[in-house]
């Protein structure tokens, strides 16, 4: 009986949809991300990396090595990013999992969630577009 109950409890926890979890608030997100470079991907394929700097400043780089500087701010339960050259905020819901962060793009919730693939404390190397200009 006890084995059956444990199995049922574990299965229930594993079956809990991510939507039922609470997104990270701004304080938790800042504590987790500041000083790190996080690498995000989907289905094992790297999408890009974001360097989290002091004062909620960020630097995003897609796989092509071009970097965009920006800032982030809370908007309700979302974390929104504003990047140079784009006046439209990019808003995400972040969830802390055992293996790192997962994130849902709230501007288009039909997009698949992305996951943290790696993290380190090293600054990103940007290949453009402003190098040599």
C-alpha atoms as a PDB file:
ATOM      1  CA  UNK A   1       0.000   0.000   0.000  1.00  0.00           C
ATOM      2  CA  UNK A   2       2.775   2.455   0.914  1.00  0.00           C
ATOM      3  CA  UNK A   3       4.610   1.737  -2.352  1.00  0.00           C
ATOM      4  CA  UNK A   4       1.428   2.383  -4.301  1.00  0.00           C
ATOM      5  CA  UNK A   5       0.825   5.684  -2.465  1.00  0.00           C
ATOM      6  CA  UNK A   6       4.402   6.858  -3.124  1.00  0.00           C
ATOM      7  CA  UNK A   7       4.046   5.963  -6.813  1.00  0.00           C
ATOM      8  CA  UNK A   8       0.777   7.903  -7.041  1.00  0.00           C
ATOM      9  CA  UNK A   9       2.310  10.956  -5.332  1.00  0.00           C
ATOM     10  CA  UNK A  10       5.403  10.929  -7.569  1.00  0.00           C
ATOM     11  CA  UNK A  11       3.260  10.488 -10.686  1.00  0.00           C
ATOM     12  CA  UNK A  12       1.036  13.379  -9.622  1.00  0.00           C
ATOM     13  CA  UNK A  13       4.010  15.691  -9.114  1.00  0.00           C
ATOM     14  CA  UNK A  14       5.544  14.745 -12.464  1.00  0.00           C
ATOM     15  CA  UNK A  15       2.212  15.194 -14.223  1.00  0.00           C
ATOM     16  CA  UNK A  16       1.660  18.691 -12.829  1.00  0.00           C
ATOM     17  CA  UNK A  17       1.572  21.000 -15.835  1.00  0.00           C
ATOM     18  CA  UNK A  18       4.019  23.878 -15.906  1.00  0.00           C
ATOM     19  CA  UNK A  19       1.099  26.275 -16.212  1.00  0.00           C
ATOM     20  CA  UNK A  20       0.089  25.289 -12.676  1.00  0.00           C
ATOM     21  CA  UNK A  21       3.453  26.457 -11.347  1.00  0.00           C
ATOM     22  CA  UNK A  22       4.038  30.018 -10.264  1.00  0.00           C
ATOM     23  CA  UNK A  23       6.366  32.133 -12.413  1.00  0.00           C
ATOM     24  CA  UNK A  24       9.428  33.590 -10.720  1.00  0.00           C
ATOM     25  CA  UNK A  25       8.958  37.105  -9.408  1.00  0.00           C
ATOM     26  CA  UNK A  26      11.445  39.888 -10.184  1.00  0.00           C
ATOM     27  CA  UNK A  27      13.449  39.404  -6.974  1.00  0.00           C
ATOM     28  CA  UNK A  28      13.847  35.656  -7.518  1.00  0.00           C
ATOM     29  CA  UNK A  29      14.715  36.152 -11.190  1.00  0.00           C
ATOM     30  CA  UNK A  30      17.315  38.810 -10.363  1.00  0.00           C
ATOM     31  CA  UNK A  31      18.867  36.692  -7.596  1.00  0.00           C
ATOM     32  CA  UNK A  32      19.122  33.723  -9.970  1.00  0.00           C
ATOM     33  CA  UNK A  33      20.366  35.523 -13.081  1.00  0.00           C
ATOM     34  CA  UNK A  34      22.549  38.486 -12.055  1.00  0.00           C
ATOM     35  CA  UNK A  35      26.210  37.984 -12.842  1.00  0.00           C
ATOM     36  CA  UNK A  36      25.537  34.988 -15.077  1.00  0.00           C
ATOM     37  CA  UNK A  37      25.419  34.287 -18.762  1.00  0.00           C
ATOM     38  CA  UNK A  38      22.544  31.902 -19.436  1.00  0.00           C
ATOM     39  CA  UNK A  39      22.325  29.832 -22.613  1.00  0.00           C
ATOM     40  CA  UNK A  40      18.796  29.030 -23.807  1.00  0.00           C
ATOM     41  CA  UNK A  41      17.617  26.412 -26.238  1.00  0.00           C
ATOM     42  CA  UNK A  42      14.753  24.337 -27.512  1.00  0.00           C
ATOM     43  CA  UNK A  43      14.885  20.565 -28.050  1.00  0.00           C
ATOM     44  CA  UNK A  44      18.632  20.560 -27.403  1.00  0.00           C
ATOM     45  CA  UNK A  45      19.388  23.274 -29.986  1.00  0.00           C
ATOM     46  CA  UNK A  46      20.955  26.508 -28.773  1.00  0.00           C
ATOM     47  CA  UNK A  47      18.843  29.575 -29.547  1.00  0.00           C
ATOM     48  CA  UNK A  48      20.994  32.219 -27.891  1.00  0.00           C
ATOM     49  CA  UNK A  49      22.577  33.533 -24.720  1.00  0.00           C
ATOM     50  CA  UNK A  50      21.869  36.399 -22.370  1.00  0.00           C
ATOM     51  CA  UNK A  51      24.351  38.065 -20.044  1.00  0.00           C
ATOM     52  CA  UNK A  52      22.729  39.491 -16.905  1.00  0.00           C
ATOM     53  CA  UNK A  53      24.543  42.583 -15.637  1.00  0.00           C
ATOM     54  CA  UNK A  54      24.071  44.906 -12.651  1.00  0.00           C
ATOM     55  CA  UNK A  55      21.093  47.277 -12.523  1.00  0.00           C
ATOM     56  CA  UNK A  56      18.919  44.942 -14.604  1.00  0.00           C
ATOM     57  CA  UNK A  57      20.989  45.456 -17.729  1.00  0.00           C
ATOM     58  CA  UNK A  58      21.332  42.601 -20.214  1.00  0.00           C
ATOM     59  CA  UNK A  59      23.129  41.666 -23.395  1.00  0.00           C
ATOM     60  CA  UNK A  60      21.412  39.186 -25.726  1.00  0.00           C
ATOM     61  CA  UNK A  61      23.089  37.275 -28.513  1.00  0.00           C
ATOM     62  CA  UNK A  62      21.430  34.961 -30.971  1.00  0.00           C
ATOM     63  CA  UNK A  63      23.532  32.135 -32.390  1.00  0.00           C
ATOM     64  CA  UNK A  64      24.985  34.440 -35.067  1.00  0.00           C
ATOM     65  CA  UNK A  65      27.071  36.306 -32.454  1.00  0.00           C
ATOM     66  CA  UNK A  66      25.374  39.699 -32.921  1.00  0.00           C
ATOM     67  CA  UNK A  67      24.675  41.291 -29.538  1.00  0.00           C
ATOM     68  CA  UNK A  68      21.899  43.625 -28.428  1.00  0.00           C
ATOM     69  CA  UNK A  69      22.107  45.548 -25.165  1.00  0.00           C
ATOM     70  CA  UNK A  70      18.971  46.111 -23.161  1.00  0.00           C
ATOM     71  CA  UNK A  71      17.265  46.201 -19.804  1.00  0.00           C
ATOM     72  CA  UNK A  72      14.657  44.098 -18.063  1.00  0.00           C
ATOM     73  CA  UNK A  73      11.789  45.015 -15.763  1.00  0.00           C
ATOM     74  CA  UNK A  74       8.870  43.240 -14.084  1.00  0.00           C
ATOM     75  CA  UNK A  75       5.363  43.549 -15.504  1.00  0.00           C
ATOM     76  CA  UNK A  76       2.986  41.658 -13.251  1.00  0.00           C
ATOM     77  CA  UNK A  77       4.313  38.096 -13.149  1.00  0.00           C
ATOM     78  CA  UNK A  78       6.269  38.545 -16.367  1.00  0.00           C
ATOM     79  CA  UNK A  79       9.846  39.650 -16.937  1.00  0.00           C
ATOM     80  CA  UNK A  80      10.001  42.029 -19.906  1.00  0.00           C
ATOM     81  CA  UNK A  81      13.057  43.024 -21.913  1.00  0.00           C
ATOM     82  CA  UNK A  82      13.675  46.163 -23.971  1.00  0.00           C
ATOM     83  CA  UNK A  83      16.553  45.970 -26.455  1.00  0.00           C
ATOM     84  CA  UNK A  84      18.299  48.701 -28.409  1.00  0.00           C
ATOM     85  CA  UNK A  85      16.689  49.266 -31.777  1.00  0.00           C
ATOM     86  CA  UNK A  86      13.376  47.651 -30.770  1.00  0.00           C
ATOM     87  CA  UNK A  87      10.763  49.700 -28.872  1.00  0.00           C
ATOM     88  CA  UNK A  88       8.513  46.668 -28.277  1.00  0.00           C
ATOM     89  CA  UNK A  89       8.981  44.838 -24.964  1.00  0.00           C
ATOM     90  CA  UNK A  90       9.702  41.105 -25.132  1.00  0.00           C
ATOM     91  CA  UNK A  91       7.893  39.531 -22.155  1.00  0.00           C
ATOM     92  CA  UNK A  92       8.512  36.110 -20.651  1.00  0.00           C
ATOM     93  CA  UNK A  93       7.356  34.009 -17.724  1.00  0.00           C
ATOM     94  CA  UNK A  94      10.303  32.252 -16.071  1.00  0.00           C
ATOM     95  CA  UNK A  95      10.027  29.077 -14.014  1.00  0.00           C
ATOM     96  CA  UNK A  96      12.782  27.619 -11.871  1.00  0.00           C
ATOM     97  CA  UNK A  97      13.176  23.873 -12.390  1.00  0.00           C
ATOM     98  CA  UNK A  98      15.693  21.384 -11.001  1.00  0.00           C
ATOM     99  CA  UNK A  99      17.777  21.638 -14.182  1.00  0.00           C
ATOM    100  CA  UNK A 100      17.607  25.454 -14.446  1.00  0.00           C
ATOM    101  CA  UNK A 101      15.132  27.888 -15.916  1.00  0.00           C
ATOM    102  CA  UNK A 102      12.364  27.330 -18.407  1.00  0.00           C
ATOM    103  CA  UNK A 103      10.655  30.283 -20.049  1.00  0.00           C
ATOM    104  CA  UNK A 104       7.428  30.931 -21.927  1.00  0.00           C
ATOM    105  CA  UNK A 105       7.378  33.788 -24.447  1.00  0.00           C
ATOM    106  CA  UNK A 106       4.233  35.652 -23.433  1.00  0.00           C
ATOM    107  CA  UNK A 107       4.096  37.849 -26.557  1.00  0.00           C
ATOM    108  CA  UNK A 108       3.196  34.623 -28.398  1.00  0.00           C
ATOM    109  CA  UNK A 109       2.232  31.898 -25.890  1.00  0.00           C
ATOM    110  CA  UNK A 110       1.790  29.390 -28.728  1.00  0.00           C
ATOM    111  CA  UNK A 111       5.575  29.327 -29.124  1.00  0.00           C
ATOM    112  CA  UNK A 112       7.255  26.372 -27.399  1.00  0.00           C
ATOM    113  CA  UNK A 113       8.952  26.930 -24.078  1.00  0.00           C
ATOM    114  CA  UNK A 114      12.714  27.356 -24.026  1.00  0.00           C
ATOM    115  CA  UNK A 115      15.056  25.915 -21.416  1.00  0.00           C
ATOM    116  CA  UNK A 116      18.332  26.917 -19.852  1.00  0.00           C
ATOM    117  CA  UNK A 117      20.998  24.694 -21.394  1.00  0.00           C
ATOM    118  CA  UNK A 118      24.033  26.046 -19.525  1.00  0.00           C
ATOM    119  CA  UNK A 119      25.176  28.916 -17.342  1.00  0.00           C
ATOM    120  CA  UNK A 120      28.457  30.517 -16.394  1.00  0.00           C
ATOM    121  CA  UNK A 121      29.832  33.751 -14.976  1.00  0.00           C
ATOM    122  CA  UNK A 122      31.795  34.716 -18.075  1.00  0.00           C
ATOM    123  CA  UNK A 123      30.935  37.728 -20.255  1.00  0.00           C
ATOM    124  CA  UNK A 124      29.757  36.950 -23.762  1.00  0.00           C
ATOM    125  CA  UNK A 125      31.935  37.457 -26.798  1.00  0.00           C
ATOM    126  CA  UNK A 126      30.070  39.549 -29.343  1.00  0.00           C
ATOM    127  CA  UNK A 127      30.940  39.259 -33.017  1.00  0.00           C
ATOM    128  CA  UNK A 128      28.878  42.156 -34.263  1.00  0.00           C
ATOM    129  CA  UNK A 129      27.276  44.095 -35.630  1.00  0.00           C
ATOM    130  CA  UNK A 130      29.389  46.997 -34.331  1.00  0.00           C
ATOM    131  CA  UNK A 131      32.834  45.381 -34.224  1.00  0.00           C
ATOM    132  CA  UNK A 132      35.272  47.362 -36.341  1.00  0.00           C
ATOM    133  CA  UNK A 133      32.837  50.195 -37.069  1.00  0.00           C
END
